[in-house]
PDB file of N, CA and C in Angstrom:
ATOM      1  N   MET A   1       0.846  -1.175   0.000  1.00  0.00           N
ATOM      2  CA  MET A   1       0.000   0.000   0.000  1.00  0.00           C
ATOM      3  C   MET A   1       0.887   1.231   0.000  1.00  0.00           C
ATOM      4  N   LYS A   2       0.406   2.251  -0.714  1.00  0.00           N
ATOM      5  CA  LYS A   2       1.155   3.490  -0.689  1.00  0.00           C
ATOM      6  C   LYS A   2       0.206   4.668  -0.694  1.00  0.00           C
ATOM      7  N   HIS A   3       0.757   5.805  -0.375  1.00  0.00           N
ATOM      8  CA  HIS A   3      -0.027   7.021  -0.264  1.00  0.00           C
ATOM      9  C   HIS A   3       0.188   7.868  -1.511  1.00  0.00           C
ATOM     10  N   ASN A   4      -0.902   8.180  -2.198  1.00  0.00           N
ATOM     11  CA  ASN A   4      -0.854   9.003  -3.399  1.00  0.00           C
ATOM     12  C   ASN A   4      -1.730  10.243  -3.260  1.00  0.00           C
ATOM     13  N   GLY A   5      -1.833  10.778  -2.052  1.00  0.00           N
ATOM     14  CA  GLY A   5      -2.643  11.972  -1.813  1.00  0.00           C
ATOM     15  C   GLY A   5      -4.046  11.688  -1.330  1.00  0.00           C
ATOM     16  N   GLU A   6      -4.386  10.413  -1.143  1.00  0.00           N
ATOM     17  CA  GLU A   6      -5.715  10.072  -0.658  1.00  0.00           C
ATOM     18  C   GLU A   6      -5.878  10.511   0.794  1.00  0.00           C
ATOM     19  N   LEU A   7      -7.092  10.947   1.124  1.00  0.00           N
ATOM     20  CA  LEU A   7      -7.398  11.433   2.466  1.00  0.00           C
ATOM     21  C   LEU A   7      -8.658  10.778   2.993  1.00  0.00           C
ATOM     22  N   LEU A   8      -8.733  10.698   4.300  1.00  0.00           N
ATOM     23  CA  LEU A   8      -9.942  10.299   4.999  1.00  0.00           C
ATOM     24  C   LEU A   8     -10.315  11.471   5.897  1.00  0.00           C
ATOM     25  N   ILE A   9     -11.518  12.001   5.725  1.00  0.00           N
ATOM     26  CA  ILE A   9     -11.987  13.118   6.534  1.00  0.00           C
ATOM     27  C   ILE A   9     -13.115  12.607   7.434  1.00  0.00           C
ATOM     28  N   LEU A  10     -13.042  12.961   8.709  1.00  0.00           N
ATOM     29  CA  LEU A  10     -14.052  12.559   9.687  1.00  0.00           C
ATOM     30  C   LEU A  10     -14.882  13.771  10.079  1.00  0.00           C
ATOM     31  N   THR A  11     -16.190  13.567  10.159  1.00  0.00           N
ATOM     32  CA  THR A  11     -17.075  14.578  10.710  1.00  0.00           C
ATOM     33  C   THR A  11     -18.253  13.875  11.366  1.00  0.00           C
ATOM     34  N   THR A  12     -19.064  14.635  12.069  1.00  0.00           N
ATOM     35  CA  THR A  12     -20.248  14.083  12.723  1.00  0.00           C
ATOM     36  C   THR A  12     -21.449  14.986  12.452  1.00  0.00           C
ATOM     37  N   MET A  13     -22.635  14.394  12.558  1.00  0.00           N
ATOM     38  CA  MET A  13     -23.901  15.124  12.440  1.00  0.00           C
ATOM     39  C   MET A  13     -24.909  14.483  13.370  1.00  0.00           C
ATOM     40  N   ALA A  14     -25.941  15.252  13.684  1.00  0.00           N
ATOM     41  CA  ALA A  14     -26.957  14.762  14.608  1.00  0.00           C
ATOM     42  C   ALA A  14     -28.099  14.037  13.911  1.00  0.00           C
ATOM     43  N   GLU A  15     -28.430  14.430  12.684  1.00  0.00           N
ATOM     44  CA  GLU A  15     -29.630  13.914  12.023  1.00  0.00           C
ATOM     45  C   GLU A  15     -29.287  13.043  10.825  1.00  0.00           C
ATOM     46  N   ALA A  16     -29.912  11.880  10.747  1.00  0.00           N
ATOM     47  CA  ALA A  16     -29.628  10.911   9.687  1.00  0.00           C
ATOM     48  C   ALA A  16     -29.926  11.464   8.295  1.00  0.00           C
ATOM     49  N   GLU A  17     -31.045  12.154   8.138  1.00  0.00           N
ATOM     50  CA  GLU A  17     -31.399  12.688   6.819  1.00  0.00           C
ATOM     51  C   GLU A  17     -30.403  13.735   6.348  1.00  0.00           C
ATOM     52  N   ARG A  18     -29.975  14.594   7.252  1.00  0.00           N
ATOM     53  CA  ARG A  18     -28.977  15.620   6.884  1.00  0.00           C
ATOM     54  C   ARG A  18     -27.648  14.973   6.561  1.00  0.00           C
ATOM     55  N   ALA A  19     -27.266  13.953   7.319  1.00  0.00           N
ATOM     56  CA  ALA A  19     -26.004  13.255   7.058  1.00  0.00           C
ATOM     57  C   ALA A  19     -26.041  12.600   5.684  1.00  0.00           C
ATOM     58  N   ALA A  20     -27.146  11.962   5.342  1.00  0.00           N
ATOM     59  CA  ALA A  20     -27.271  11.310   4.039  1.00  0.00           C
ATOM     60  C   ALA A  20     -27.230  12.329   2.907  1.00  0.00           C
ATOM     61  N   ALA A  21     -27.915  13.460   3.066  1.00  0.00           N
ATOM     62  CA  ALA A  21     -27.911  14.497   2.030  1.00  0.00           C
ATOM     63  C   ALA A  21     -26.516  15.101   1.872  1.00  0.00           C
ATOM     64  N   PHE A  22     -25.832  15.313   2.980  1.00  0.00           N
ATOM     65  CA  PHE A  22     -24.473  15.862   2.963  1.00  0.00           C
ATOM     66  C   PHE A  22     -23.539  14.900   2.230  1.00  0.00           C
ATOM     67  N   ALA A  23     -23.630  13.623   2.564  1.00  0.00           N
ATOM     68  CA  ALA A  23     -22.787  12.594   1.942  1.00  0.00           C
ATOM     69  C   ALA A  23     -23.071  12.498   0.448  1.00  0.00           C
ATOM     70  N   ARG A  24     -24.337  12.433   0.086  1.00  0.00           N
ATOM     71  CA  ARG A  24     -24.718  12.339  -1.329  1.00  0.00           C
ATOM     72  C   ARG A  24     -24.212  13.555  -2.108  1.00  0.00           C
ATOM     73  N   GLY A  25     -24.315  14.730  -1.522  1.00  0.00           N
ATOM     74  CA  GLY A  25     -23.849  15.948  -2.182  1.00  0.00           C
ATOM     75  C   GLY A  25     -22.362  15.926  -2.465  1.00  0.00           C
ATOM     76  N   LEU A  26     -21.580  15.416  -1.515  1.00  0.00           N
ATOM     77  CA  LEU A  26     -20.129  15.309  -1.720  1.00  0.00           C
ATOM     78  C   LEU A  26     -19.802  14.386  -2.884  1.00  0.00           C
ATOM     79  N   VAL A  27     -20.489  13.255  -2.952  1.00  0.00           N
ATOM     80  CA  VAL A  27     -20.227  12.286  -4.028  1.00  0.00           C
ATOM     81  C   VAL A  27     -20.743  12.826  -5.366  1.00  0.00           C
ATOM     82  N   GLU A  28     -21.922  13.425  -5.375  1.00  0.00           N
ATOM     83  CA  GLU A  28     -22.461  13.975  -6.620  1.00  0.00           C
ATOM     84  C   GLU A  28     -21.551  15.048  -7.214  1.00  0.00           C
ATOM     85  N   ALA A  29     -20.945  15.860  -6.348  1.00  0.00           N
ATOM     86  CA  ALA A  29     -20.049  16.933  -6.798  1.00  0.00           C
ATOM     87  C   ALA A  29     -18.631  16.434  -7.085  1.00  0.00           C
ATOM     88  N   ARG A  30     -18.411  15.129  -6.928  1.00  0.00           N
ATOM     89  CA  ARG A  30     -17.086  14.515  -7.097  1.00  0.00           C
ATOM     90  C   ARG A  30     -16.035  15.143  -6.170  1.00  0.00           C
ATOM     91  N   LEU A  31     -16.488  15.506  -4.979  1.00  0.00           N
ATOM     92  CA  LEU A  31     -15.572  15.967  -3.932  1.00  0.00           C
ATOM     93  C   LEU A  31     -15.129  14.804  -3.063  1.00  0.00           C
ATOM     94  N   ALA A  32     -15.896  13.716  -3.110  1.00  0.00           N
ATOM     95  CA  ALA A  32     -15.563  12.480  -2.407  1.00  0.00           C
ATOM     96  C   ALA A  32     -15.920  11.320  -3.319  1.00  0.00           C
ATOM     97  N   ALA A  33     -15.101  10.282  -3.276  1.00  0.00           N
ATOM     98  CA  ALA A  33     -15.405   9.072  -4.039  1.00  0.00           C
ATOM     99  C   ALA A  33     -16.435   8.234  -3.303  1.00  0.00           C
ATOM    100  N   CYS A  34     -16.415   8.310  -1.985  1.00  0.00           N
ATOM    101  CA  CYS A  34     -17.307   7.513  -1.147  1.00  0.00           C
ATOM    102  C   CYS A  34     -17.426   8.198   0.206  1.00  0.00           C
ATOM    103  N   VAL A  35     -18.623   8.144   0.775  1.00  0.00           N
ATOM    104  CA  VAL A  35     -18.825   8.608   2.149  1.00  0.00           C
ATOM    105  C   VAL A  35     -19.577   7.506   2.877  1.00  0.00           C
ATOM    106  N   SER A  36     -18.972   6.988   3.933  1.00  0.00           N
ATOM    107  CA  SER A  36     -19.635   5.989   4.771  1.00  0.00           C
ATOM    108  C   SER A  36     -20.324   6.717   5.919  1.00  0.00           C
ATOM    109  N   VAL A  37     -21.600   6.440   6.111  1.00  0.00           N
ATOM    110  CA  VAL A  37     -22.406   7.085   7.142  1.00  0.00           C
ATOM    111  C   VAL A  37     -22.672   6.045   8.221  1.00  0.00           C
ATOM    112  N   LEU A  38     -22.116   6.278   9.391  1.00  0.00           N
ATOM    113  CA  LEU A  38     -22.157   5.298  10.478  1.00  0.00           C
ATOM    114  C   LEU A  38     -22.976   5.830  11.654  1.00  0.00           C
ATOM    115  N   PRO A  39     -24.215   5.383  11.814  1.00  0.00           N
ATOM    116  CA  PRO A  39     -25.025   5.828  12.948  1.00  0.00           C
ATOM    117  C   PRO A  39     -24.574   5.149  14.237  1.00  0.00           C
ATOM    118  N   GLY A  40     -25.055   5.694  15.342  1.00  0.00           N
ATOM    119  CA  GLY A  40     -24.872   5.020  16.617  1.00  0.00           C
ATOM    120  C   GLY A  40     -23.727   5.501  17.479  1.00  0.00           C
ATOM    121  N   ALA A  41     -23.055   6.591  17.099  1.00  0.00           N
ATOM    122  CA  ALA A  41     -21.962   7.112  17.928  1.00  0.00           C
ATOM    123  C   ALA A  41     -22.541   7.907  19.093  1.00  0.00           C
ATOM    124  N   THR A  42     -21.850   7.921  20.186  1.00  0.00           N
ATOM    125  CA  THR A  42     -22.161   8.794  21.309  1.00  0.00           C
ATOM    126  C   THR A  42     -20.954   9.691  21.526  1.00  0.00           C
ATOM    127  N   SER A  43     -21.168  10.990  21.467  1.00  0.00           N
ATOM    128  CA  SER A  43     -20.080  11.955  21.625  1.00  0.00           C
ATOM    129  C   SER A  43     -20.204  12.655  22.967  1.00  0.00           C
ATOM    130  N   PHE A  44     -19.086  12.807  23.645  1.00  0.00           N
ATOM    131  CA  PHE A  44     -18.988  13.541  24.903  1.00  0.00           C
ATOM    132  C   PHE A  44     -18.098  14.744  24.641  1.00  0.00           C
ATOM    133  N   TYR A  45     -18.557  15.945  25.010  1.00  0.00           N
ATOM    134  CA  TYR A  45     -17.796  17.153  24.694  1.00  0.00           C
ATOM    135  C   TYR A  45     -18.306  18.330  25.528  1.00  0.00           C
ATOM    136  N   ARG A  46     -17.492  19.380  25.558  1.00  0.00           N
ATOM    137  CA  ARG A  46     -17.917  20.655  26.127  1.00  0.00           C
ATOM    138  C   ARG A  46     -18.089  21.627  24.978  1.00  0.00           C
ATOM    139  N   TRP A  47     -19.185  22.365  24.989  1.00  0.00           N
ATOM    140  CA  TRP A  47     -19.412  23.359  23.950  1.00  0.00           C
ATOM    141  C   TRP A  47     -20.017  24.603  24.604  1.00  0.00           C
ATOM    142  N   LYS A  48     -19.202  25.653  24.709  1.00  0.00           N
ATOM    143  CA  LYS A  48     -19.625  26.950  25.236  1.00  0.00           C
ATOM    144  C   LYS A  48     -20.115  26.877  26.681  1.00  0.00           C
ATOM    145  N   SER A  49     -19.639  25.898  27.443  1.00  0.00           N
ATOM    146  CA  SER A  49     -19.979  25.801  28.862  1.00  0.00           C
ATOM    147  C   SER A  49     -19.010  24.846  29.534  1.00  0.00           C
ATOM    148  N   GLU A  50     -19.122  24.758  30.826  1.00  0.00           N
ATOM    149  CA  GLU A  50     -18.307  23.803  31.576  1.00  0.00           C
ATOM    150  C   GLU A  50     -19.006  22.455  31.701  1.00  0.00           C
ATOM    151  N   THR A  51     -20.250  22.389  31.284  1.00  0.00           N
ATOM    152  CA  THR A  51     -21.026  21.156  31.358  1.00  0.00           C
ATOM    153  C   THR A  51     -20.624  20.225  30.221  1.00  0.00           C
ATOM    154  N   ILE A  52     -20.452  18.968  30.548  1.00  0.00           N
ATOM    155  CA  ILE A  52     -20.143  17.977  29.526  1.00  0.00           C
ATOM    156  C   ILE A  52     -21.443  17.509  28.894  1.00  0.00           C
ATOM    157  N   SER A  53     -21.497  17.632  27.576  1.00  0.00           N
ATOM    158  CA  SER A  53     -22.674  17.179  26.822  1.00  0.00           C
ATOM    159  C   SER A  53     -22.457  15.741  26.368  1.00  0.00           C
ATOM    160  N   GLU A  54     -23.539  15.020  26.239  1.00  0.00           N
ATOM    161  CA  GLU A  54     -23.528  13.655  25.717  1.00  0.00           C
ATOM    162  C   GLU A  54     -24.630  13.573  24.670  1.00  0.00           C
ATOM    163  N   ASP A  55     -24.241  13.358  23.414  1.00  0.00           N
ATOM    164  CA  ASP A  55     -25.219  13.343  22.327  1.00  0.00           C
ATOM    165  C   ASP A  55     -24.991  12.160  21.405  1.00  0.00           C
ATOM    166  N   ARG A  56     -26.111  11.649  20.862  1.00  0.00           N
ATOM    167  CA  ARG A  56     -26.048  10.628  19.820  1.00  0.00           C
ATOM    168  C   ARG A  56     -25.701  11.343  18.527  1.00  0.00           C
ATOM    169  N   GLU A  57     -24.748  10.805  17.787  1.00  0.00           N
ATOM    170  CA  GLU A  57     -24.343  11.403  16.522  1.00  0.00           C
ATOM    171  C   GLU A  57     -24.108  10.326  15.478  1.00  0.00           C
ATOM    172  N   ILE A  58     -23.951  10.789  14.262  1.00  0.00           N
ATOM    173  CA  ILE A  58     -23.654   9.942  13.116  1.00  0.00           C
ATOM    174  C   ILE A  58     -22.266  10.332  12.639  1.00  0.00           C
ATOM    175  N   VAL A  59     -21.399   9.361  12.453  1.00  0.00           N
ATOM    176  CA  VAL A  59     -20.035   9.611  11.975  1.00  0.00           C
ATOM    177  C   VAL A  59     -20.011   9.452  10.464  1.00  0.00           C
ATOM    178  N   LEU A  60     -19.404  10.405   9.789  1.00  0.00           N
ATOM    179  CA  LEU A  60     -19.214  10.327   8.344  1.00  0.00           C
ATOM    180  C   LEU A  60     -17.734  10.140   8.058  1.00  0.00           C
ATOM    181  N   LEU A  61     -17.414   9.113   7.272  1.00  0.00           N
ATOM    182  CA  LEU A  61     -16.053   8.841   6.822  1.00  0.00           C
ATOM    183  C   LEU A  61     -15.996   9.216   5.344  1.00  0.00           C
ATOM    184  N   ILE A  62     -15.291  10.282   5.045  1.00  0.00           N
ATOM    185  CA  ILE A  62     -15.268  10.862   3.702  1.00  0.00           C
ATOM    186  C   ILE A  62     -13.939  10.507   3.050  1.00  0.00           C
ATOM    187  N   LYS A  63     -14.020   9.753   1.928  1.00  0.00           N
ATOM    188  CA  LYS A  63     -12.811   9.348   1.214  1.00  0.00           C
ATOM    189  C   LYS A  63     -12.625  10.278   0.029  1.00  0.00           C
ATOM    190  N   THR A  64     -11.500  11.010   0.030  1.00  0.00           N
ATOM    191  CA  THR A  64     -11.248  12.015  -0.992  1.00  0.00           C
ATOM    192  C   THR A  64      -9.756  12.101  -1.291  1.00  0.00           C
ATOM    193  N   HIS A  65      -9.353  13.163  -1.953  1.00  0.00           N
ATOM    194  CA  HIS A  65      -7.959  13.345  -2.363  1.00  0.00           C
ATOM    195  C   HIS A  65      -7.509  14.756  -1.988  1.00  0.00           C
ATOM    196  N   ARG A  66      -6.228  14.886  -1.709  1.00  0.00           N
ATOM    197  CA  ARG A  66      -5.661  16.171  -1.315  1.00  0.00           C
ATOM    198  C   ARG A  66      -6.005  17.283  -2.317  1.00  0.00           C
ATOM    199  N   GLN A  67      -6.081  16.962  -3.600  1.00  0.00           N
ATOM    200  CA  GLN A  67      -6.399  17.977  -4.613  1.00  0.00           C
ATOM    201  C   GLN A  67      -7.815  18.537  -4.457  1.00  0.00           C
ATOM    202  N   LYS A  68      -8.663  17.856  -3.739  1.00  0.00           N
ATOM    203  CA  LYS A  68     -10.049  18.295  -3.530  1.00  0.00           C
ATOM    204  C   LYS A  68     -10.263  18.967  -2.180  1.00  0.00           C
ATOM    205  N   LEU A  69      -9.220  19.053  -1.355  1.00  0.00           N
ATOM    206  CA  LEU A  69      -9.385  19.479   0.035  1.00  0.00           C
ATOM    207  C   LEU A  69      -9.982  20.878   0.162  1.00  0.00           C
ATOM    208  N   SER A  70      -9.507  21.841  -0.587  1.00  0.00           N
ATOM    209  CA  SER A  70     -10.049  23.202  -0.451  1.00  0.00           C
ATOM    210  C   SER A  70     -11.518  23.247  -0.872  1.00  0.00           C
ATOM    211  N   GLU A  71     -11.900  22.473  -1.869  1.00  0.00           N
ATOM    212  CA  GLU A  71     -13.300  22.417  -2.293  1.00  0.00           C
ATOM    213  C   GLU A  71     -14.171  21.738  -1.232  1.00  0.00           C
ATOM    214  N   VAL A  72     -13.622  20.707  -0.593  1.00  0.00           N
ATOM    215  CA  VAL A  72     -14.365  20.036   0.484  1.00  0.00           C
ATOM    216  C   VAL A  72     -14.550  20.998   1.656  1.00  0.00           C
ATOM    217  N   GLU A  73     -13.509  21.761   1.993  1.00  0.00           N
ATOM    218  CA  GLU A  73     -13.631  22.750   3.070  1.00  0.00           C
ATOM    219  C   GLU A  73     -14.725  23.766   2.754  1.00  0.00           C
ATOM    220  N   ALA A  74     -14.783  24.237   1.519  1.00  0.00           N
ATOM    221  CA  ALA A  74     -15.820  25.190   1.119  1.00  0.00           C
ATOM    222  C   ALA A  74     -17.201  24.550   1.238  1.00  0.00           C
ATOM    223  N   TYR A  75     -17.324  23.285   0.839  1.00  0.00           N
ATOM    224  CA  TYR A  75     -18.592  22.559   0.954  1.00  0.00           C
ATOM    225  C   TYR A  75     -19.027  22.487   2.416  1.00  0.00           C
ATOM    226  N   PHE A  76     -18.081  22.209   3.311  1.00  0.00           N
ATOM    227  CA  PHE A  76     -18.391  22.164   4.744  1.00  0.00           C
ATOM    228  C   PHE A  76     -18.924  23.513   5.209  1.00  0.00           C
ATOM    229  N   ARG A  77     -18.262  24.602   4.834  1.00  0.00           N
ATOM    230  CA  ARG A  77     -18.704  25.937   5.259  1.00  0.00           C
ATOM    231  C   ARG A  77     -20.133  26.222   4.790  1.00  0.00           C
ATOM    232  N   GLU A  78     -20.467  25.780   3.597  1.00  0.00           N
ATOM    233  CA  GLU A  78     -21.778  26.063   3.016  1.00  0.00           C
ATOM    234  C   GLU A  78     -22.869  25.086   3.456  1.00  0.00           C
ATOM    235  N   GLN A  79     -22.518  23.818   3.670  1.00  0.00           N
ATOM    236  CA  GLN A  79     -23.536  22.773   3.827  1.00  0.00           C
ATOM    237  C   GLN A  79     -23.615  22.112   5.199  1.00  0.00           C
ATOM    238  N   HIS A  80     -22.544  22.163   5.988  1.00  0.00           N
ATOM    239  CA  HIS A  80     -22.580  21.452   7.275  1.00  0.00           C
ATOM    240  C   HIS A  80     -23.475  22.209   8.252  1.00  0.00           C
ATOM    241  N   PRO A  81     -24.378  21.514   8.937  1.00  0.00           N
ATOM    242  CA  PRO A  81     -25.326  22.197   9.814  1.00  0.00           C
ATOM    243  C   PRO A  81     -24.736  22.704  11.137  1.00  0.00           C
ATOM    244  N   TYR A  82     -23.559  22.239  11.536  1.00  0.00           N
ATOM    245  CA  TYR A  82     -22.995  22.650  12.822  1.00  0.00           C
ATOM    246  C   TYR A  82     -22.295  24.000  12.684  1.00  0.00           C
ATOM    247  N   GLU A  83     -22.342  24.771  13.755  1.00  0.00           N
ATOM    248  CA  GLU A  83     -21.635  26.051  13.811  1.00  0.00           C
ATOM    249  C   GLU A  83     -20.127  25.849  13.680  1.00  0.00           C
ATOM    250  N   CYS A  84     -19.626  24.822  14.317  1.00  0.00           N
ATOM    251  CA  CYS A  84     -18.189  24.511  14.293  1.00  0.00           C
ATOM    252  C   CYS A  84     -18.044  23.003  14.048  1.00  0.00           C
ATOM    253  N   PRO A  85     -18.159  22.570  12.781  1.00  0.00           N
ATOM    254  CA  PRO A  85     -18.152  21.130  12.512  1.00  0.00           C
ATOM    255  C   PRO A  85     -16.784  20.496  12.720  1.00  0.00           C
ATOM    256  N   GLU A  86     -16.820  19.254  13.144  1.00  0.00           N
ATOM    257  CA  GLU A  86     -15.597  18.457  13.200  1.00  0.00           C
ATOM    258  C   GLU A  86     -15.083  18.292  11.771  1.00  0.00           C
ATOM    259  N   PHE A  87     -13.792  18.528  11.578  1.00  0.00           N
ATOM    260  CA  PHE A  87     -13.171  18.404  10.257  1.00  0.00           C
ATOM    261  C   PHE A  87     -11.771  17.857  10.487  1.00  0.00           C
ATOM    262  N   VAL A  88     -11.684  16.546  10.629  1.00  0.00           N
ATOM    263  CA  VAL A  88     -10.419  15.872  10.924  1.00  0.00           C
ATOM    264  C   VAL A  88      -9.932  15.227   9.627  1.00  0.00           C
ATOM    265  N   VAL A  89      -8.750  15.625   9.178  1.00  0.00           N
ATOM    266  CA  VAL A  89      -8.206  15.143   7.912  1.00  0.00           C
ATOM    267  C   VAL A  89      -7.020  14.226   8.194  1.00  0.00           C
ATOM    268  N   LEU A  90      -7.090  12.995   7.678  1.00  0.00           N
ATOM    269  CA  LEU A  90      -6.040  11.999   7.879  1.00  0.00           C
ATOM    270  C   LEU A  90      -5.513  11.538   6.525  1.00  0.00           C
ATOM    271  N   ASP A  91      -4.199  11.419   6.406  1.00  0.00           N
ATOM    272  CA  ASP A  91      -3.621  10.799   5.219  1.00  0.00           C
ATOM    273  C   ASP A  91      -4.039   9.332   5.216  1.00  0.00           C
ATOM    274  N   ALA A  92      -4.371   8.820   4.034  1.00  0.00           N
ATOM    275  CA  ALA A  92      -4.852   7.444   3.928  1.00  0.00           C
ATOM    276  C   ALA A  92      -4.007   6.669   2.919  1.00  0.00           C
ATOM    277  N   ALA A  93      -3.317   5.643   3.382  1.00  0.00           N
ATOM    278  CA  ALA A  93      -2.612   4.738   2.469  1.00  0.00           C
ATOM    279  C   ALA A  93      -3.624   3.707   2.009  1.00  0.00           C
ATOM    280  N   MET A  94      -3.755   3.558   0.698  1.00  0.00           N
ATOM    281  CA  MET A  94      -4.750   2.640   0.136  1.00  0.00           C
ATOM    282  C   MET A  94      -4.086   1.641  -0.786  1.00  0.00           C
ATOM    283  N   SER A  95      -4.750   0.529  -0.981  1.00  0.00           N
ATOM    284  CA  SER A  95      -4.285  -0.418  -1.994  1.00  0.00           C
ATOM    285  C   SER A  95      -4.307   0.298  -3.339  1.00  0.00           C
ATOM    286  N   GLU A  96      -3.470  -0.147  -4.252  1.00  0.00           N
ATOM    287  CA  GLU A  96      -3.409   0.499  -5.558  1.00  0.00           C
ATOM    288  C   GLU A  96      -4.765   0.434  -6.257  1.00  0.00           C
ATOM    289  N   GLY A  97      -5.451  -0.680  -6.126  1.00  0.00           N
ATOM    290  CA  GLY A  97      -6.762  -0.812  -6.758  1.00  0.00           C
ATOM    291  C   GLY A  97      -7.774   0.183  -6.214  1.00  0.00           C
ATOM    292  N   HIS A  98      -7.857   0.279  -4.892  1.00  0.00           N
ATOM    293  CA  HIS A  98      -8.829   1.193  -4.294  1.00  0.00           C
ATOM    294  C   HIS A  98      -8.434   2.641  -4.537  1.00  0.00           C
ATOM    295  N   GLY A  99      -7.146   2.944  -4.387  1.00  0.00           N
ATOM    296  CA  GLY A  99      -6.670   4.303  -4.640  1.00  0.00           C
ATOM    297  C   GLY A  99      -6.895   4.721  -6.088  1.00  0.00           C
ATOM    298  N   GLY A 100      -6.672   3.794  -7.016  1.00  0.00           N
ATOM    299  CA  GLY A 100      -6.915   4.079  -8.424  1.00  0.00           C
ATOM    300  C   GLY A 100      -8.383   4.356  -8.695  1.00  0.00           C
ATOM    301  N   TRP A 101      -9.248   3.560  -8.067  1.00  0.00           N
ATOM    302  CA  TRP A 101     -10.685   3.782  -8.206  1.00  0.00           C
ATOM    303  C   TRP A 101     -11.059   5.156  -7.677  1.00  0.00           C
ATOM    304  N   LEU A 102     -10.553   5.508  -6.479  1.00  0.00           N
ATOM    305  CA  LEU A 102     -10.847   6.797  -5.873  1.00  0.00           C
ATOM    306  C   LEU A 102     -10.407   7.934  -6.787  1.00  0.00           C
ATOM    307  N   ARG A 103      -9.178   7.872  -7.278  1.00  0.00           N
ATOM    308  CA  ARG A 103      -8.670   8.932  -8.154  1.00  0.00           C
ATOM    309  C   ARG A 103      -9.498   9.024  -9.443  1.00  0.00           C
ATOM    310  N   GLY A 104      -9.916   7.881  -9.971  1.00  0.00           N
ATOM    311  CA  GLY A 104     -10.761   7.866 -11.160  1.00  0.00           C
ATOM    312  C   GLY A 104     -12.107   8.535 -10.907  1.00  0.00           C
ATOM    313  N   GLU A 105     -12.750   8.226  -9.785  1.00  0.00           N
ATOM    314  CA  GLU A 105     -14.035   8.817  -9.452  1.00  0.00           C
ATOM    315  C   GLU A 105     -13.937  10.336  -9.280  1.00  0.00           C
ATOM    316  N   LEU A 106     -12.803  10.778  -8.745  1.00  0.00           N
ATOM    317  CA  LEU A 106     -12.612  12.213  -8.511  1.00  0.00           C
ATOM    318  C   LEU A 106     -11.968  12.928  -9.682  1.00  0.00           C
ATOM    319  N   ARG A 107     -11.665  12.141 -10.723  1.00  0.00           N
ATOM    320  CA  ARG A 107     -11.009  12.668 -11.934  1.00  0.00           C
ATOM    321  C   ARG A 107      -9.673  13.324 -11.629  1.00  0.00           C
ATOM    322  N   ILE A 108      -8.887  12.592 -10.815  1.00  0.00           N
ATOM    323  CA  ILE A 108      -7.524  13.018 -10.449  1.00  0.00           C
ATOM    324  C   ILE A 108      -6.573  12.306 -11.389  1.00  0.00           C
ATOM    325  N   GLU A 109      -5.714  13.030 -12.064  1.00  0.00           N
ATOM    326  CA  GLU A 109      -4.736  12.423 -12.967  1.00  0.00           C
ATOM    327  C   GLU A 109      -3.617  11.764 -12.159  1.00  0.00           C
ATOM    328  N   GLY A 110      -3.155  10.613 -12.642  1.00  0.00           N
ATOM    329  CA  GLY A 110      -1.996   9.966 -12.033  1.00  0.00           C
ATOM    330  C   GLY A 110      -2.262   8.863 -11.141  1.00  0.00           C
TER     331      GLY A 110
END
């Protein structure tokens, strides 16, 4: 496996319908080759208080490429429902077959 600019971006949302629409929009715009929507997470955090919140959330695993990162960031600013969305970007080493498929879906040369 090797790294050719592929990325995995993590975010969360509260509502299943919004998560599905967000994921579909990323794939339709070719900003992501695939988005896995994983319900059932429980998040613990502090937000604008000292009280720890506990909320059910949906985790989105967004598979994309470094060349699309600025466009994905713009999509988050426009479409993500949270005031301050989680936007965790990880380098992803993929098999040549999967990485090639991803680059093809995103129309990345090379």
